Full PDB file with SEQRES, HELIX, SHEET, SSBOND, CRYST1, ORIGX, SCALE, CONECT and MASTER records, all heavy atoms in Angstrom:
SEQRES   1 A   33  VAL VAL GLU VAL PRO SER ARG ASN CYS PHE GLN GLU GLU          
SEQRES   2 A   33  LEU VAL LYS PRO SER SER ILE THR MET GLN GLY VAL ARG          
SEQRES   3 A   33  VAL PHE MET SER ASN LEU ALA                                  
HELIX    1 AA1 GLU A   12  LEU A   14  5                                   3    
CRYST1    1.000    1.000    1.000  90.00  90.00  90.00 P 1           1          
ORIGX1      1.000000  0.000000  0.000000        0.00000                         
ORIGX2      0.000000  1.000000  0.000000        0.00000                         
ORIGX3      0.000000  0.000000  1.000000        0.00000                         
SCALE1      1.000000  0.000000  0.000000        0.00000                         
SCALE2      0.000000  1.000000  0.000000        0.00000                         
SCALE3      0.000000  0.000000  1.000000        0.00000                         
ATOM      1  N   VAL A   1       0.861  -1.193  -0.004  1.00  0.00           N  
ATOM      2  CA  VAL A   1       0.022   0.008   0.007  1.00  0.00           C  
ATOM      3  C   VAL A   1       0.911   1.226  -0.020  1.00  0.00           C  
ATOM      4  O   VAL A   1       1.754   1.414   0.890  1.00  0.00           O  
ATOM      5  CB  VAL A   1      -0.933   0.040   1.231  1.00  0.00           C  
ATOM      6  CG1 VAL A   1      -1.728   1.349   1.188  1.00  0.00           C  
ATOM      7  CG2 VAL A   1      -1.857  -1.199   1.234  1.00  0.00           C  
ATOM      8  N   VAL A   2       0.722   2.075  -1.029  1.00  0.00           N  
ATOM      9  CA  VAL A   2       1.503   3.329  -1.154  1.00  0.00           C  
ATOM     10  C   VAL A   2       0.589   4.490  -0.872  1.00  0.00           C  
ATOM     11  O   VAL A   2      -0.467   4.627  -1.466  1.00  0.00           O  
ATOM     12  CB  VAL A   2       2.105   3.473  -2.539  1.00  0.00           C  
ATOM     13  CG1 VAL A   2       2.902   4.774  -2.680  1.00  0.00           C  
ATOM     14  CG2 VAL A   2       3.013   2.270  -2.865  1.00  0.00           C  
ATOM     15  N   GLU A   3       1.040   5.349   0.081  1.00  0.00           N  
ATOM     16  CA  GLU A   3       0.256   6.565   0.424  1.00  0.00           C  
ATOM     17  C   GLU A   3       1.100   7.792   0.175  1.00  0.00           C  
ATOM     18  O   GLU A   3       2.205   7.893   0.663  1.00  0.00           O  
ATOM     19  CB  GLU A   3      -0.167   6.505   1.892  1.00  0.00           C  
ATOM     20  CG  GLU A   3      -0.997   7.696   2.316  1.00  0.00           C  
ATOM     21  CD  GLU A   3      -1.342   7.685   3.784  1.00  0.00           C  
ATOM     22  OE1 GLU A   3      -1.107   6.594   4.466  1.00  0.00           O  
ATOM     23  OE2 GLU A   3      -1.835   8.670   4.320  1.00  0.00           O  
ATOM     24  N   VAL A   4       0.510   8.710  -0.582  1.00  0.00           N  
ATOM     25  CA  VAL A   4       1.227   9.972  -0.915  1.00  0.00           C  
ATOM     26  C   VAL A   4       0.533  11.110  -0.163  1.00  0.00           C  
ATOM     27  O   VAL A   4      -0.606  11.533  -0.497  1.00  0.00           O  
ATOM     28  CB  VAL A   4       1.148  10.276  -2.448  1.00  0.00           C  
ATOM     29  CG1 VAL A   4       1.918  11.509  -2.774  1.00  0.00           C  
ATOM     30  CG2 VAL A   4       1.696   9.101  -3.195  1.00  0.00           C  
ATOM     31  N   PRO A   5       1.181  11.618   0.912  1.00  0.00           N  
ATOM     32  CA  PRO A   5       0.546  12.667   1.687  1.00  0.00           C  
ATOM     33  C   PRO A   5       0.486  13.974   0.869  1.00  0.00           C  
ATOM     34  O   PRO A   5       1.188  14.162  -0.128  1.00  0.00           O  
ATOM     35  CB  PRO A   5       1.522  12.885   2.880  1.00  0.00           C  
ATOM     36  CG  PRO A   5       2.334  11.651   2.907  1.00  0.00           C  
ATOM     37  CD  PRO A   5       2.455  11.170   1.461  1.00  0.00           C  
ATOM     38  N   SER A   6      -0.333  14.936   1.337  1.00  0.00           N  
ATOM     39  CA  SER A   6      -0.510  16.209   0.635  1.00  0.00           C  
ATOM     40  C   SER A   6       0.051  17.301   1.571  1.00  0.00           C  
ATOM     41  O   SER A   6      -0.104  17.238   2.773  1.00  0.00           O  
ATOM     42  CB  SER A   6      -1.988  16.467   0.313  1.00  0.00           C  
ATOM     43  OG  SER A   6      -2.135  17.782  -0.183  1.00  0.00           O  
ATOM     44  N   ARG A   7       0.638  18.322   0.945  1.00  0.00           N  
ATOM     45  CA  ARG A   7       1.069  19.516   1.675  1.00  0.00           C  
ATOM     46  C   ARG A   7       0.044  20.604   1.576  1.00  0.00           C  
ATOM     47  O   ARG A   7       0.221  21.708   2.156  1.00  0.00           O  
ATOM     48  CB  ARG A   7       2.410  20.052   1.113  1.00  0.00           C  
ATOM     49  CG  ARG A   7       3.569  19.062   1.306  1.00  0.00           C  
ATOM     50  CD  ARG A   7       4.887  19.731   0.963  1.00  0.00           C  
ATOM     51  NE  ARG A   7       5.212  20.734   2.000  1.00  0.00           N  
ATOM     52  CZ  ARG A   7       6.098  21.708   1.811  1.00  0.00           C  
ATOM     53  NH1 ARG A   7       6.743  21.859   0.659  1.00  0.00           N  
ATOM     54  NH2 ARG A   7       6.367  22.533   2.810  1.00  0.00           N  
ATOM     55  N   ASN A   8      -1.085  20.312   0.894  1.00  0.00           N  
ATOM     56  CA  ASN A   8      -2.220  21.258   0.819  1.00  0.00           C  
ATOM     57  C   ASN A   8      -1.874  22.577   0.120  1.00  0.00           C  
ATOM     58  O   ASN A   8      -2.471  23.619   0.411  1.00  0.00           O  
ATOM     59  CB  ASN A   8      -2.803  21.516   2.189  1.00  0.00           C  
ATOM     60  CG  ASN A   8      -3.376  20.250   2.845  1.00  0.00           C  
ATOM     61  OD1 ASN A   8      -4.104  19.487   2.173  1.00  0.00           O  
ATOM     62  ND2 ASN A   8      -3.026  19.989   4.052  1.00  0.00           N  
ATOM     63  N   CYS A   9      -0.849  22.527  -0.697  1.00  0.00           N  
ATOM     64  CA  CYS A   9      -0.464  23.752  -1.488  1.00  0.00           C  
ATOM     65  C   CYS A   9       0.022  23.303  -2.847  1.00  0.00           C  
ATOM     66  O   CYS A   9       0.473  22.233  -3.082  1.00  0.00           O  
ATOM     67  CB  CYS A   9       0.617  24.523  -0.758  1.00  0.00           C  
ATOM     68  SG  CYS A   9       2.155  23.621  -0.565  1.00  0.00           S  
ATOM     69  N   PHE A  10      -0.121  24.254  -3.767  1.00  0.00           N  
ATOM     70  CA  PHE A  10       0.311  23.999  -5.151  1.00  0.00           C  
ATOM     71  C   PHE A  10       1.793  24.354  -5.322  1.00  0.00           C  
ATOM     72  O   PHE A  10       2.257  25.447  -5.050  1.00  0.00           O  
ATOM     73  CB  PHE A  10      -0.482  24.927  -6.086  1.00  0.00           C  
ATOM     74  CG  PHE A  10      -0.295  24.608  -7.513  1.00  0.00           C  
ATOM     75  CD1 PHE A  10      -1.059  23.657  -8.191  1.00  0.00           C  
ATOM     76  CD2 PHE A  10       0.641  25.337  -8.299  1.00  0.00           C  
ATOM     77  CE1 PHE A  10      -0.897  23.385  -9.529  1.00  0.00           C  
ATOM     78  CE2 PHE A  10       0.814  25.009  -9.649  1.00  0.00           C  
ATOM     79  CZ  PHE A  10       0.045  24.068 -10.239  1.00  0.00           C  
ATOM     80  N   GLN A  11       2.551  23.348  -5.693  1.00  0.00           N  
ATOM     81  CA  GLN A  11       4.018  23.452  -5.856  1.00  0.00           C  
ATOM     82  C   GLN A  11       4.372  23.425  -7.383  1.00  0.00           C  
ATOM     83  O   GLN A  11       4.286  22.348  -7.978  1.00  0.00           O  
ATOM     84  CB  GLN A  11       4.755  22.351  -5.120  1.00  0.00           C  
ATOM     85  CG  GLN A  11       4.409  22.312  -3.616  1.00  0.00           C  
ATOM     86  CD  GLN A  11       4.782  21.027  -2.971  1.00  0.00           C  
ATOM     87  OE1 GLN A  11       5.814  20.889  -2.322  1.00  0.00           O  
ATOM     88  NE2 GLN A  11       3.916  20.003  -3.089  1.00  0.00           N  
ATOM     89  N   GLU A  12       4.738  24.547  -7.922  1.00  0.00           N  
ATOM     90  CA  GLU A  12       4.934  24.645  -9.368  1.00  0.00           C  
ATOM     91  C   GLU A  12       6.066  23.739  -9.791  1.00  0.00           C  
ATOM     92  O   GLU A  12       6.109  23.237 -10.953  1.00  0.00           O  
ATOM     93  CB  GLU A  12       5.296  26.087  -9.727  1.00  0.00           C  
ATOM     94  CG  GLU A  12       4.129  27.076  -9.473  1.00  0.00           C  
ATOM     95  CD  GLU A  12       4.443  28.448 -10.033  1.00  0.00           C  
ATOM     96  OE1 GLU A  12       5.229  28.590 -10.942  1.00  0.00           O  
ATOM     97  OE2 GLU A  12       3.905  29.443  -9.464  1.00  0.00           O  
ATOM     98  N   GLU A  13       7.030  23.449  -8.953  1.00  0.00           N  
ATOM     99  CA  GLU A  13       8.187  22.602  -9.348  1.00  0.00           C  
ATOM    100  C   GLU A  13       7.749  21.203  -9.668  1.00  0.00           C  
ATOM    101  O   GLU A  13       8.507  20.448 -10.303  1.00  0.00           O  
ATOM    102  CB  GLU A  13       9.195  22.561  -8.192  1.00  0.00           C  
ATOM    103  CG  GLU A  13       9.856  23.950  -7.864  1.00  0.00           C  
ATOM    104  CD  GLU A  13       8.996  24.699  -6.833  1.00  0.00           C  
ATOM    105  OE1 GLU A  13       7.872  24.299  -6.575  1.00  0.00           O  
ATOM    106  OE2 GLU A  13       9.515  25.704  -6.280  1.00  0.00           O  
ATOM    107  N   LEU A  14       6.578  20.776  -9.222  1.00  0.00           N  
ATOM    108  CA  LEU A  14       6.112  19.433  -9.483  1.00  0.00           C  
ATOM    109  C   LEU A  14       5.404  19.262 -10.887  1.00  0.00           C  
ATOM    110  O   LEU A  14       5.075  18.180 -11.245  1.00  0.00           O  
ATOM    111  CB  LEU A  14       5.213  18.923  -8.412  1.00  0.00           C  
ATOM    112  CG  LEU A  14       5.851  18.248  -7.154  1.00  0.00           C  
ATOM    113  CD1 LEU A  14       6.816  19.219  -6.473  1.00  0.00           C  
ATOM    114  CD2 LEU A  14       4.786  17.742  -6.222  1.00  0.00           C  
ATOM    115  N   VAL A  15       5.135  20.380 -11.498  1.00  0.00           N  
ATOM    116  CA  VAL A  15       4.373  20.351 -12.739  1.00  0.00           C  
ATOM    117  C   VAL A  15       5.333  20.217 -13.927  1.00  0.00           C  
ATOM    118  O   VAL A  15       5.591  21.203 -14.649  1.00  0.00           O  
ATOM    119  CB  VAL A  15       3.481  21.591 -12.886  1.00  0.00           C  
ATOM    120  CG1 VAL A  15       2.495  21.438 -14.080  1.00  0.00           C  
ATOM    121  CG2 VAL A  15       2.717  21.872 -11.615  1.00  0.00           C  
ATOM    122  N   LYS A  16       5.934  19.049 -14.058  1.00  0.00           N  
ATOM    123  CA  LYS A  16       6.812  18.780 -15.159  1.00  0.00           C  
ATOM    124  C   LYS A  16       6.956  17.261 -15.317  1.00  0.00           C  
ATOM    125  O   LYS A  16       6.791  16.532 -14.326  1.00  0.00           O  
ATOM    126  CB  LYS A  16       8.205  19.408 -15.004  1.00  0.00           C  
ATOM    127  CG  LYS A  16       8.989  18.860 -13.786  1.00  0.00           C  
ATOM    128  CD  LYS A  16      10.344  19.550 -13.675  1.00  0.00           C  
ATOM    129  CE  LYS A  16      11.183  18.926 -12.557  1.00  0.00           C  
ATOM    130  NZ  LYS A  16      12.490  19.559 -12.400  1.00  0.00           N  
ATOM    131  N   PRO A  17       7.249  16.800 -16.508  1.00  0.00           N  
ATOM    132  CA  PRO A  17       7.416  15.344 -16.691  1.00  0.00           C  
ATOM    133  C   PRO A  17       8.591  14.819 -15.912  1.00  0.00           C  
ATOM    134  O   PRO A  17       9.667  15.423 -15.841  1.00  0.00           O  
ATOM    135  CB  PRO A  17       7.665  15.212 -18.226  1.00  0.00           C  
ATOM    136  CG  PRO A  17       7.120  16.446 -18.808  1.00  0.00           C  
ATOM    137  CD  PRO A  17       7.368  17.483 -17.751  1.00  0.00           C  
ATOM    138  N   SER A  18       8.422  13.621 -15.262  1.00  0.00           N  
ATOM    139  CA  SER A  18       9.478  12.951 -14.513  1.00  0.00           C  
ATOM    140  C   SER A  18       9.126  11.506 -14.364  1.00  0.00           C  
ATOM    141  O   SER A  18       8.046  11.058 -14.840  1.00  0.00           O  
ATOM    142  CB  SER A  18       9.727  13.621 -13.165  1.00  0.00           C  
ATOM    143  OG  SER A  18       8.719  13.323 -12.291  1.00  0.00           O  
ATOM    144  N   SER A  19       9.977  10.783 -13.619  1.00  0.00           N  
ATOM    145  CA  SER A  19       9.646   9.342 -13.439  1.00  0.00           C  
ATOM    146  C   SER A  19       8.500   9.102 -12.456  1.00  0.00           C  
ATOM    147  O   SER A  19       8.037   7.971 -12.304  1.00  0.00           O  
ATOM    148  CB  SER A  19      10.893   8.618 -12.941  1.00  0.00           C  
ATOM    149  OG  SER A  19      11.348   9.171 -11.744  1.00  0.00           O  
ATOM    150  N   ILE A  20       8.077  10.151 -11.725  1.00  0.00           N  
ATOM    151  CA  ILE A  20       6.970   9.989 -10.764  1.00  0.00           C  
ATOM    152  C   ILE A  20       5.785  10.891 -11.117  1.00  0.00           C  
ATOM    153  O   ILE A  20       4.776  10.780 -10.408  1.00  0.00           O  
ATOM    154  CB  ILE A  20       7.457  10.318  -9.302  1.00  0.00           C  
ATOM    155  CG1 ILE A  20       8.002  11.745  -9.245  1.00  0.00           C  
ATOM    156  CG2 ILE A  20       8.548   9.322  -8.886  1.00  0.00           C  
ATOM    157  CD1 ILE A  20       8.370  12.167  -7.819  1.00  0.00           C  
ATOM    158  N   THR A  21       5.869  11.719 -12.071  1.00  0.00           N  
ATOM    159  CA  THR A  21       4.752  12.513 -12.562  1.00  0.00           C  
ATOM    160  C   THR A  21       4.315  12.007 -13.939  1.00  0.00           C  
ATOM    161  O   THR A  21       5.008  11.233 -14.562  1.00  0.00           O  
ATOM    162  CB  THR A  21       5.113  14.024 -12.622  1.00  0.00           C  
ATOM    163  OG1 THR A  21       6.232  14.186 -13.506  1.00  0.00           O  
ATOM    164  CG2 THR A  21       5.492  14.572 -11.280  1.00  0.00           C  
ATOM    165  N   MET A  22       3.190  12.522 -14.409  1.00  0.00           N  
ATOM    166  CA  MET A  22       2.766  12.115 -15.718  1.00  0.00           C  
ATOM    167  C   MET A  22       3.597  12.805 -16.840  1.00  0.00           C  
ATOM    168  O   MET A  22       4.277  13.822 -16.576  1.00  0.00           O  
ATOM    169  CB  MET A  22       1.267  12.493 -15.894  1.00  0.00           C  
ATOM    170  CG  MET A  22       0.971  14.005 -15.778  1.00  0.00           C  
ATOM    171  SD  MET A  22      -0.775  14.300 -16.106  1.00  0.00           S  
ATOM    172  CE  MET A  22      -1.516  13.229 -14.875  1.00  0.00           C  
ATOM    173  N   GLN A  23       3.564  12.197 -17.973  1.00  0.00           N  
ATOM    174  CA  GLN A  23       4.331  12.714 -19.097  1.00  0.00           C  
ATOM    175  C   GLN A  23       3.586  13.741 -19.919  1.00  0.00           C  
ATOM    176  O   GLN A  23       4.187  14.649 -20.525  1.00  0.00           O  
ATOM    177  CB  GLN A  23       4.819  11.560 -20.021  1.00  0.00           C  
ATOM    178  CG  GLN A  23       5.653  10.484 -19.313  1.00  0.00           C  
ATOM    179  CD  GLN A  23       6.927  11.117 -18.751  1.00  0.00           C  
ATOM    180  OE1 GLN A  23       7.685  11.736 -19.453  1.00  0.00           O  
ATOM    181  NE2 GLN A  23       7.154  10.906 -17.457  1.00  0.00           N  
ATOM    182  N   GLY A  24       2.261  13.602 -19.959  1.00  0.00           N  
ATOM    183  CA  GLY A  24       1.465  14.510 -20.709  1.00  0.00           C  
ATOM    184  C   GLY A  24       0.019  14.567 -20.201  1.00  0.00           C  
ATOM    185  O   GLY A  24      -0.352  13.788 -19.332  1.00  0.00           O  
ATOM    186  N   VAL A  25      -0.757  15.557 -20.688  1.00  0.00           N  
ATOM    187  CA  VAL A  25      -2.119  15.693 -20.298  1.00  0.00           C  
ATOM    188  C   VAL A  25      -3.009  15.748 -21.523  1.00  0.00           C  
ATOM    189  O   VAL A  25      -2.586  16.202 -22.608  1.00  0.00           O  
ATOM    190  CB  VAL A  25      -2.354  16.974 -19.445  1.00  0.00           C  
ATOM    191  CG1 VAL A  25      -1.639  16.862 -18.107  1.00  0.00           C  
ATOM    192  CG2 VAL A  25      -1.883  18.201 -20.199  1.00  0.00           C  
ATOM    193  N   ARG A  26      -4.204  15.274 -21.396  1.00  0.00           N  
ATOM    194  CA  ARG A  26      -5.190  15.322 -22.422  1.00  0.00           C  
ATOM    195  C   ARG A  26      -6.210  16.409 -22.056  1.00  0.00           C  
ATOM    196  O   ARG A  26      -6.846  16.333 -21.013  1.00  0.00           O  
ATOM    197  CB  ARG A  26      -5.908  14.013 -22.647  1.00  0.00           C  
ATOM    198  CG  ARG A  26      -7.023  14.037 -23.656  1.00  0.00           C  
ATOM    199  CD  ARG A  26      -7.432  12.654 -24.101  1.00  0.00           C  
ATOM    200  NE  ARG A  26      -6.360  12.059 -24.925  1.00  0.00           N  
ATOM    201  CZ  ARG A  26      -6.490  10.894 -25.526  1.00  0.00           C  
ATOM    202  NH1 ARG A  26      -7.583  10.164 -25.367  1.00  0.00           N  
ATOM    203  NH2 ARG A  26      -5.472  10.421 -26.265  1.00  0.00           N  
ATOM    204  N   VAL A  27      -6.324  17.409 -22.906  1.00  0.00           N  
ATOM    205  CA  VAL A  27      -7.142  18.573 -22.643  1.00  0.00           C  
ATOM    206  C   VAL A  27      -8.325  18.593 -23.615  1.00  0.00           C  
ATOM    207  O   VAL A  27      -8.147  18.441 -24.872  1.00  0.00           O  
ATOM    208  CB  VAL A  27      -6.376  19.909 -22.766  1.00  0.00           C  
ATOM    209  CG1 VAL A  27      -7.230  21.071 -22.402  1.00  0.00           C  
ATOM    210  CG2 VAL A  27      -5.164  19.841 -21.879  1.00  0.00           C  
ATOM    211  N   PHE A  28      -9.562  18.776 -23.073  1.00  0.00           N  
ATOM    212  CA  PHE A  28     -10.728  18.863 -23.938  1.00  0.00           C  
ATOM    213  C   PHE A  28     -10.859  20.317 -24.397  1.00  0.00           C  
ATOM    214  O   PHE A  28     -10.765  21.261 -23.613  1.00  0.00           O  
ATOM    215  CB  PHE A  28     -11.944  18.497 -23.094  1.00  0.00           C  
ATOM    216  CG  PHE A  28     -11.984  17.036 -22.738  1.00  0.00           C  
ATOM    217  CD1 PHE A  28     -11.369  16.670 -21.503  1.00  0.00           C  
ATOM    218  CD2 PHE A  28     -12.618  16.134 -23.470  1.00  0.00           C  
ATOM    219  CE1 PHE A  28     -11.372  15.355 -21.128  1.00  0.00           C  
ATOM    220  CE2 PHE A  28     -12.633  14.803 -23.073  1.00  0.00           C  
ATOM    221  CZ  PHE A  28     -11.983  14.390 -21.919  1.00  0.00           C  
ATOM    222  N   MET A  29     -11.034  20.476 -25.724  1.00  0.00           N  
ATOM    223  CA  MET A  29     -10.966  21.822 -26.327  1.00  0.00           C  
ATOM    224  C   MET A  29     -12.170  22.058 -27.206  1.00  0.00           C  
ATOM    225  O   MET A  29     -12.647  21.122 -27.893  1.00  0.00           O  
ATOM    226  CB  MET A  29      -9.717  22.026 -27.115  1.00  0.00           C  
ATOM    227  CG  MET A  29      -8.433  22.077 -26.232  1.00  0.00           C  
ATOM    228  SD  MET A  29      -6.983  22.489 -27.174  1.00  0.00           S  
ATOM    229  CE  MET A  29      -5.748  22.615 -25.876  1.00  0.00           C  
ATOM    230  N   SER A  30     -12.631  23.297 -27.220  1.00  0.00           N  
ATOM    231  CA  SER A  30     -13.702  23.732 -28.114  1.00  0.00           C  
ATOM    232  C   SER A  30     -13.321  25.042 -28.734  1.00  0.00           C  
ATOM    233  O   SER A  30     -13.084  26.040 -28.003  1.00  0.00           O  
ATOM    234  CB  SER A  30     -15.015  23.831 -27.385  1.00  0.00           C  
ATOM    235  OG  SER A  30     -16.051  24.356 -28.260  1.00  0.00           O  
ATOM    236  N   ASN A  31     -13.177  25.106 -30.054  1.00  0.00           N  
ATOM    237  CA  ASN A  31     -12.797  26.332 -30.742  1.00  0.00           C  
ATOM    238  C   ASN A  31     -13.895  26.797 -31.683  1.00  0.00           C  
ATOM    239  O   ASN A  31     -14.169  26.120 -32.646  1.00  0.00           O  
ATOM    240  CB  ASN A  31     -11.472  26.066 -31.518  1.00  0.00           C  
ATOM    241  CG  ASN A  31     -10.894  27.405 -32.107  1.00  0.00           C  
ATOM    242  OD1 ASN A  31     -11.616  28.341 -32.391  1.00  0.00           O  
ATOM    243  ND2 ASN A  31      -9.594  27.444 -32.234  1.00  0.00           N  
ATOM    244  N   LEU A  32     -14.493  27.918 -31.368  1.00  0.00           N  
ATOM    245  CA  LEU A  32     -15.590  28.400 -32.208  1.00  0.00           C  
ATOM    246  C   LEU A  32     -15.191  29.679 -32.956  1.00  0.00           C  
ATOM    247  O   LEU A  32     -16.076  30.402 -33.450  1.00  0.00           O  
ATOM    248  CB  LEU A  32     -16.809  28.718 -31.316  1.00  0.00           C  
ATOM    249  CG  LEU A  32     -17.325  27.542 -30.485  1.00  0.00           C  
ATOM    250  CD1 LEU A  32     -18.523  27.960 -29.648  1.00  0.00           C  
ATOM    251  CD2 LEU A  32     -17.722  26.383 -31.398  1.00  0.00           C  
ATOM    252  N   ALA A  33     -13.894  29.931 -33.079  1.00  0.00           N  
ATOM    253  CA  ALA A  33     -13.425  31.117 -33.791  1.00  0.00           C  
ATOM    254  C   ALA A  33     -13.712  31.074 -35.233  1.00  0.00           C  
ATOM    255  O   ALA A  33     -13.775  29.997 -35.868  1.00  0.00           O  
ATOM    256  CB  ALA A  33     -11.968  31.389 -33.498  1.00  0.00           C  
TER     257      ALA A  33                                                      
MASTER        0    0    0    1    0    0    0    6  256    1    0    3          
END                                                                             
């Protein structure tokens, strides 16, 4: 059982690809221009 505690704050340094974070995100988009 692996538990990842939270620091309850947004840490910008964690928002990047690494061996423990995701590599990419899928974003839903709607363009009506």
